C-alpha cells in the first residue's frame, strides 16, 4: 500500500494535500481497498463551509456506504466531476485522479492535528 509522505491523514482514512490555502482531499489507499469497488460518490456540500471532522459527503461501494469526514474547516470549492462517470478512479488512483474535493483551508493550525504518513500507518497497524 502507498502512503505519500507529502500528505496529511485523518484517523477516518481521508488525506489532504496542501497547496497554499487550498486543500485537495481524498481517501487513502487503505480505505479504498477496505471499501472494495466504489460505485458512487455523493458530495452535497459544494459551496458550503464544512467544519473539521464533520461529514462532507458519502462514498458508496458495492456492499457498503461510508461517510467522508473533512480533515479541516473550510468551504468546499470543487468536487472532482470526473468521479460522476468514473467513481472507480478512486480505486485506481486514490492520490491522483481519484481526489474527491478541493476545500479552502480556513484555519491552517488544524493541519497540525492530522497524522503524518508514518503515524497513519501505525494507526492502521502497518
Protein backbone atom coordinates (compact mmCIF):
# COMPACT_ATOMS: atom_id res chain seq x y z
CA UNK A 1 0.00 0.00 0.00
CA UNK A 2 1.04 3.52 -0.76
CA UNK A 3 1.07 6.43 1.74
CA UNK A 4 2.74 9.53 0.24
CA UNK A 5 4.84 11.49 2.74
CA UNK A 6 3.70 14.87 1.36
CA UNK A 7 0.12 14.32 2.56
CA UNK A 8 -1.58 14.62 5.95
CA UNK A 9 -4.02 11.93 7.09
CA UNK A 10 -7.07 11.55 9.34
CA UNK A 11 -7.86 8.59 11.55
CA UNK A 12 -11.02 8.21 9.44
CA UNK A 13 -8.84 7.46 6.35
CA UNK A 14 -9.00 10.74 4.46
CA UNK A 15 -5.91 12.52 3.17
CA UNK A 16 -5.27 16.17 2.37
CA UNK A 17 -2.66 17.70 0.09
CA UNK A 18 -1.98 21.35 0.91
CA UNK A 19 -1.45 23.78 -1.97
CA UNK A 20 -1.26 27.28 -0.49
CA UNK A 21 -4.60 27.91 1.23
CA UNK A 22 -6.38 25.14 -0.71
CA UNK A 23 -6.60 21.50 0.32
CA UNK A 24 -7.18 18.61 -2.06
CA UNK A 25 -8.95 15.78 -0.22
CA UNK A 26 -9.45 12.10 -0.95
CA UNK A 27 -9.48 8.72 0.74
CA UNK A 28 -6.41 6.61 1.41
CA UNK A 29 -5.25 3.56 -0.49
CA UNK A 30 -6.08 1.53 2.64
CA UNK A 31 -9.65 2.90 2.71
CA UNK A 32 -10.38 2.22 -0.94
CA UNK A 33 -9.11 -1.35 -0.56
CA UNK A 34 -11.30 -1.86 2.52
CA UNK A 35 -14.36 -0.48 0.73
CA UNK A 36 -13.88 -2.52 -2.43
CA UNK A 37 -15.31 -1.46 -5.78
CA UNK A 38 -16.53 2.13 -5.48
CA UNK A 39 -19.70 2.80 -7.47
CA UNK A 40 -20.84 6.29 -6.41
CA UNK A 41 -19.66 9.42 -4.61
CA UNK A 42 -22.18 11.94 -3.22
CA UNK A 43 -20.90 15.40 -2.27
CA UNK A 44 -23.86 17.66 -1.44
CA UNK A 45 -21.67 20.28 0.28
CA UNK A 46 -20.06 22.14 -2.68
CA UNK A 47 -20.23 25.85 -1.82
CA UNK A 48 -20.80 25.19 1.89
CA UNK A 49 -18.46 25.73 4.82
CA UNK A 50 -17.78 22.39 6.50
CA UNK A 51 -16.20 22.02 9.94
CA UNK A 52 -13.19 19.84 10.69
CA UNK A 53 -14.25 16.23 11.39
CA UNK A 54 -17.78 16.78 10.06
CA UNK A 55 -19.30 14.78 7.19
CA UNK A 56 -18.92 16.38 3.77
CA UNK A 57 -20.34 13.54 1.69
CA UNK A 58 -20.63 9.80 1.26
CA UNK A 59 -18.89 7.16 -0.78
CA UNK A 60 -20.75 4.08 -1.93
CA UNK A 61 -19.13 0.75 -2.68
CA UNK A 62 -20.80 -2.43 -3.88
CA UNK A 63 -21.52 -3.64 -0.34
CA UNK A 64 -21.46 -0.51 1.86
CA UNK A 65 -21.88 3.24 2.16
CA UNK A 66 -19.36 5.25 4.16
CA UNK A 67 -19.32 8.84 5.36
CA UNK A 68 -16.49 11.15 4.30
CA UNK A 69 -15.05 13.33 7.08
CA UNK A 70 -13.46 16.71 6.47
CA UNK A 71 -9.83 16.99 7.60
CA UNK A 72 -10.05 20.79 8.04
CA UNK A 73 -12.61 23.56 8.34
CA UNK A 74 -13.28 25.38 5.09
CA UNK A 75 -15.52 26.00 2.13
CA UNK A 76 -15.94 23.10 -0.28
CA UNK A 77 -14.79 24.72 -3.53
CA UNK A 78 -14.98 21.89 -6.02
CA UNK A 79 -15.98 18.27 -6.48
CA UNK A 80 -13.93 16.09 -8.82
CA UNK A 81 -16.54 15.88 -11.59
CA UNK A 82 -14.59 13.04 -13.26
CA UNK A 83 -15.91 10.82 -10.44
CA UNK A 84 -19.50 11.32 -11.64
CA UNK A 85 -18.99 8.98 -14.56
CA UNK A 86 -15.99 7.08 -13.24
CA UNK A 87 -16.05 6.63 -9.44
CA UNK A 88 -13.64 3.71 -9.87
CA UNK A 89 -10.88 6.33 -10.33
CA UNK A 90 -10.71 6.31 -6.51
CA UNK A 91 -9.84 2.60 -6.58
CA UNK A 92 -7.38 3.03 -9.44
CA UNK A 93 -5.57 6.18 -8.28
CA UNK A 94 -6.66 7.33 -4.78
CA UNK A 95 -3.93 10.00 -4.51
CA UNK A 96 -4.14 11.30 -8.08
CA UNK A 97 -7.14 11.21 -10.42
CA UNK A 98 -9.27 9.86 -7.56
CA UNK A 99 -9.19 13.03 -5.44
CA UNK A 100 -12.67 13.96 -4.17
CA UNK A 101 -12.90 17.65 -3.21
CA UNK A 102 -10.94 20.88 -3.06
CA UNK A 103 -11.53 22.94 0.08
CA UNK A 104 -10.34 26.29 1.38
CA UNK A 105 -8.21 25.93 4.49
CA UNK A 106 -9.75 28.43 6.90
CA UNK A 107 -7.57 27.52 9.89
CA UNK A 108 -4.09 26.24 8.92
CA UNK A 109 -3.47 25.34 12.60
CA UNK A 110 -5.90 22.42 12.17
CA UNK A 111 -3.35 20.73 9.90
CA UNK A 112 -1.13 20.22 12.96
CA UNK A 113 -3.63 17.74 14.44
CA UNK A 114 -3.52 15.47 11.37
CA UNK A 115 -1.32 12.41 11.04
CA UNK A 116 1.90 12.04 9.08
CA UNK A 117 2.23 9.05 6.74
CA UNK A 118 4.15 7.16 9.43
CA UNK A 119 1.59 7.97 12.13
CA UNK A 120 -1.25 6.92 9.82
CA UNK A 121 0.45 3.60 9.01
CA UNK A 122 0.79 2.92 12.75
CA UNK A 123 -2.90 3.78 13.29
CA UNK A 124 -3.92 1.04 10.84
CA UNK A 125 -1.31 -1.40 12.19
CA UNK A 126 1.00 -1.43 9.15
